[in-house]
Amino acid sequence: MINLTVCIGSSCHVKGSRQVVHELQALIQESNLADKIVLNGTFCMGKCQQGVCVTVNDEFYSVEPNAVKEFFESTVLPMVK
């Protein structure tokens, strides 16, 4: 099981965390991986300067709203297989 957590604190919200969450939800559904990926939200991860903060199994990433699909395909999908 992959734990995917997106910061929804104020700094990340301003930088587009809502869009990141919505796109990740859609990509998980499109890929039929709802049984393998748990998507969560959390408040401040303490790295507010680094953009929309995302962790995959506790490994930190900064994800721009316009790069969610690339992040999902290059980082998350390889962990599933």
C-alpha atoms as a PDB file:
ATOM      1  CA  MET A   1       0.000   0.000   0.000  1.00  0.00           C
ATOM      2  CA  ILE A   2       1.303   3.424  -0.950  1.00  0.00           C
ATOM      3  CA  ASN A   3       0.584   6.339   1.377  1.00  0.00           C
ATOM      4  CA  LEU A   4       0.347   9.562  -0.620  1.00  0.00           C
ATOM      5  CA  THR A   5      -0.092  12.689   1.523  1.00  0.00           C
ATOM      6  CA  VAL A   6      -0.625  16.240   0.281  1.00  0.00           C
ATOM      7  CA  CYS A   7      -0.236  19.300   2.477  1.00  0.00           C
ATOM      8  CA  ILE A   8      -3.395  21.371   2.575  1.00  0.00           C
ATOM      9  CA  GLY A   9      -2.045  24.017   4.948  1.00  0.00           C
ATOM     10  CA  SER A  10      -2.385  27.689   4.060  1.00  0.00           C
ATOM     11  CA  SER A  11       0.948  28.105   2.251  1.00  0.00           C
ATOM     12  CA  CYS A  12       0.484  25.015   0.089  1.00  0.00           C
ATOM     13  CA  HIS A  13      -3.188  25.875  -0.454  1.00  0.00           C
ATOM     14  CA  VAL A  14      -2.153  29.214  -1.948  1.00  0.00           C
ATOM     15  CA  LYS A  15       0.335  27.384  -4.203  1.00  0.00           C
ATOM     16  CA  GLY A  16      -2.329  25.017  -5.565  1.00  0.00           C
ATOM     17  CA  SER A  17      -2.674  22.049  -3.227  1.00  0.00           C
ATOM     18  CA  ARG A  18      -6.398  21.748  -3.979  1.00  0.00           C
ATOM     19  CA  GLN A  19      -5.618  21.279  -7.679  1.00  0.00           C
ATOM     20  CA  VAL A  20      -2.890  18.755  -6.818  1.00  0.00           C
ATOM     21  CA  VAL A  21      -5.329  16.741  -4.677  1.00  0.00           C
ATOM     22  CA  HIS A  22      -8.054  16.760  -7.341  1.00  0.00           C
ATOM     23  CA  GLU A  23      -5.677  15.689 -10.071  1.00  0.00           C
ATOM     24  CA  LEU A  24      -4.163  12.916  -7.938  1.00  0.00           C
ATOM     25  CA  GLN A  25      -7.672  11.660  -7.127  1.00  0.00           C
ATOM     26  CA  ALA A  26      -8.488  11.530 -10.837  1.00  0.00           C
ATOM     27  CA  LEU A  27      -5.212   9.806 -11.758  1.00  0.00           C
ATOM     28  CA  ILE A  28      -5.677   7.187  -9.042  1.00  0.00           C
ATOM     29  CA  GLN A  29      -9.193   6.457 -10.307  1.00  0.00           C
ATOM     30  CA  GLU A  30      -8.156   6.400 -13.984  1.00  0.00           C
ATOM     31  CA  SER A  31      -5.367   3.957 -13.150  1.00  0.00           C
ATOM     32  CA  ASN A  32      -7.703   1.737 -11.076  1.00  0.00           C
ATOM     33  CA  LEU A  33      -5.317   1.972  -8.130  1.00  0.00           C
ATOM     34  CA  ALA A  34      -7.703   3.016  -5.360  1.00  0.00           C
ATOM     35  CA  ASP A  35      -6.981  -0.309  -3.646  1.00  0.00           C
ATOM     36  CA  LYS A  36      -3.207   0.308  -3.726  1.00  0.00           C
ATOM     37  CA  ILE A  37      -2.851   4.045  -3.059  1.00  0.00           C
ATOM     38  CA  VAL A  38      -4.209   5.852  -0.008  1.00  0.00           C
ATOM     39  CA  LEU A  39      -4.496   9.604  -0.603  1.00  0.00           C
ATOM     40  CA  ASN A  40      -4.489  11.756   2.522  1.00  0.00           C
ATOM     41  CA  GLY A  41      -4.322  15.416   3.371  1.00  0.00           C
ATOM     42  CA  THR A  42      -2.384  16.962   6.223  1.00  0.00           C
ATOM     43  CA  PHE A  43      -1.617  20.382   7.555  1.00  0.00           C
ATOM     44  CA  CYS A  44       1.831  21.959   7.465  1.00  0.00           C
ATOM     45  CA  MET A  45       4.783  19.665   6.764  1.00  0.00           C
ATOM     46  CA  GLY A  46       7.207  22.404   7.777  1.00  0.00           C
ATOM     47  CA  LYS A  47       8.643  23.009   4.310  1.00  0.00           C
ATOM     48  CA  CYS A  48       6.398  25.883   3.271  1.00  0.00           C
ATOM     49  CA  GLN A  49       8.981  27.491   0.984  1.00  0.00           C
ATOM     50  CA  GLN A  50       9.161  24.395  -1.215  1.00  0.00           C
ATOM     51  CA  GLY A  51       5.787  24.525  -2.898  1.00  0.00           C
ATOM     52  CA  VAL A  52       2.966  22.038  -2.623  1.00  0.00           C
ATOM     53  CA  CYS A  53       4.430  19.493  -0.232  1.00  0.00           C
ATOM     54  CA  VAL A  54       3.694  15.845  -0.980  1.00  0.00           C
ATOM     55  CA  THR A  55       5.020  12.707   0.663  1.00  0.00           C
ATOM     56  CA  VAL A  56       5.008   9.236  -0.820  1.00  0.00           C
ATOM     57  CA  ASN A  57       5.567   6.696   1.947  1.00  0.00           C
ATOM     58  CA  ASP A  58       7.219   9.458   4.028  1.00  0.00           C
ATOM     59  CA  GLU A  59       9.591  10.558   1.219  1.00  0.00           C
ATOM     60  CA  PHE A  60       9.216  14.297   0.551  1.00  0.00           C
ATOM     61  CA  TYR A  61       8.506  15.870  -2.855  1.00  0.00           C
ATOM     62  CA  SER A  62       7.556  19.345  -4.011  1.00  0.00           C
ATOM     63  CA  VAL A  63       4.865  19.136  -6.696  1.00  0.00           C
ATOM     64  CA  GLU A  64       3.722  22.015  -8.875  1.00  0.00           C
ATOM     65  CA  PRO A  65       0.039  21.884  -9.887  1.00  0.00           C
ATOM     66  CA  ASN A  66       1.020  21.770 -13.570  1.00  0.00           C
ATOM     67  CA  ALA A  67       3.331  18.776 -13.012  1.00  0.00           C
ATOM     68  CA  VAL A  68       1.029  16.376 -11.136  1.00  0.00           C
ATOM     69  CA  LYS A  69       0.601  13.906 -14.003  1.00  0.00           C
ATOM     70  CA  GLU A  70       4.368  13.750 -14.611  1.00  0.00           C
ATOM     71  CA  PHE A  71       4.979  13.284 -10.851  1.00  0.00           C
ATOM     72  CA  PHE A  72       2.362  10.529 -10.674  1.00  0.00           C
ATOM     73  CA  GLU A  73       3.725   8.689 -13.707  1.00  0.00           C
ATOM     74  CA  SER A  74       7.432   9.018 -12.841  1.00  0.00           C
ATOM     75  CA  THR A  75       7.339   8.677  -9.050  1.00  0.00           C
ATOM     76  CA  VAL A  76       4.138   7.035  -7.831  1.00  0.00           C
ATOM     77  CA  LEU A  77       3.386   4.458 -10.546  1.00  0.00           C
ATOM     78  CA  PRO A  78       6.816   2.763 -10.394  1.00  0.00           C
ATOM     79  CA  MET A  79       6.250   2.153  -6.668  1.00  0.00           C
ATOM     80  CA  VAL A  80       2.991   0.320  -7.377  1.00  0.00           C
ATOM     81  CA  LYS A  81       4.441  -2.230  -9.795  1.00  0.00           C
END
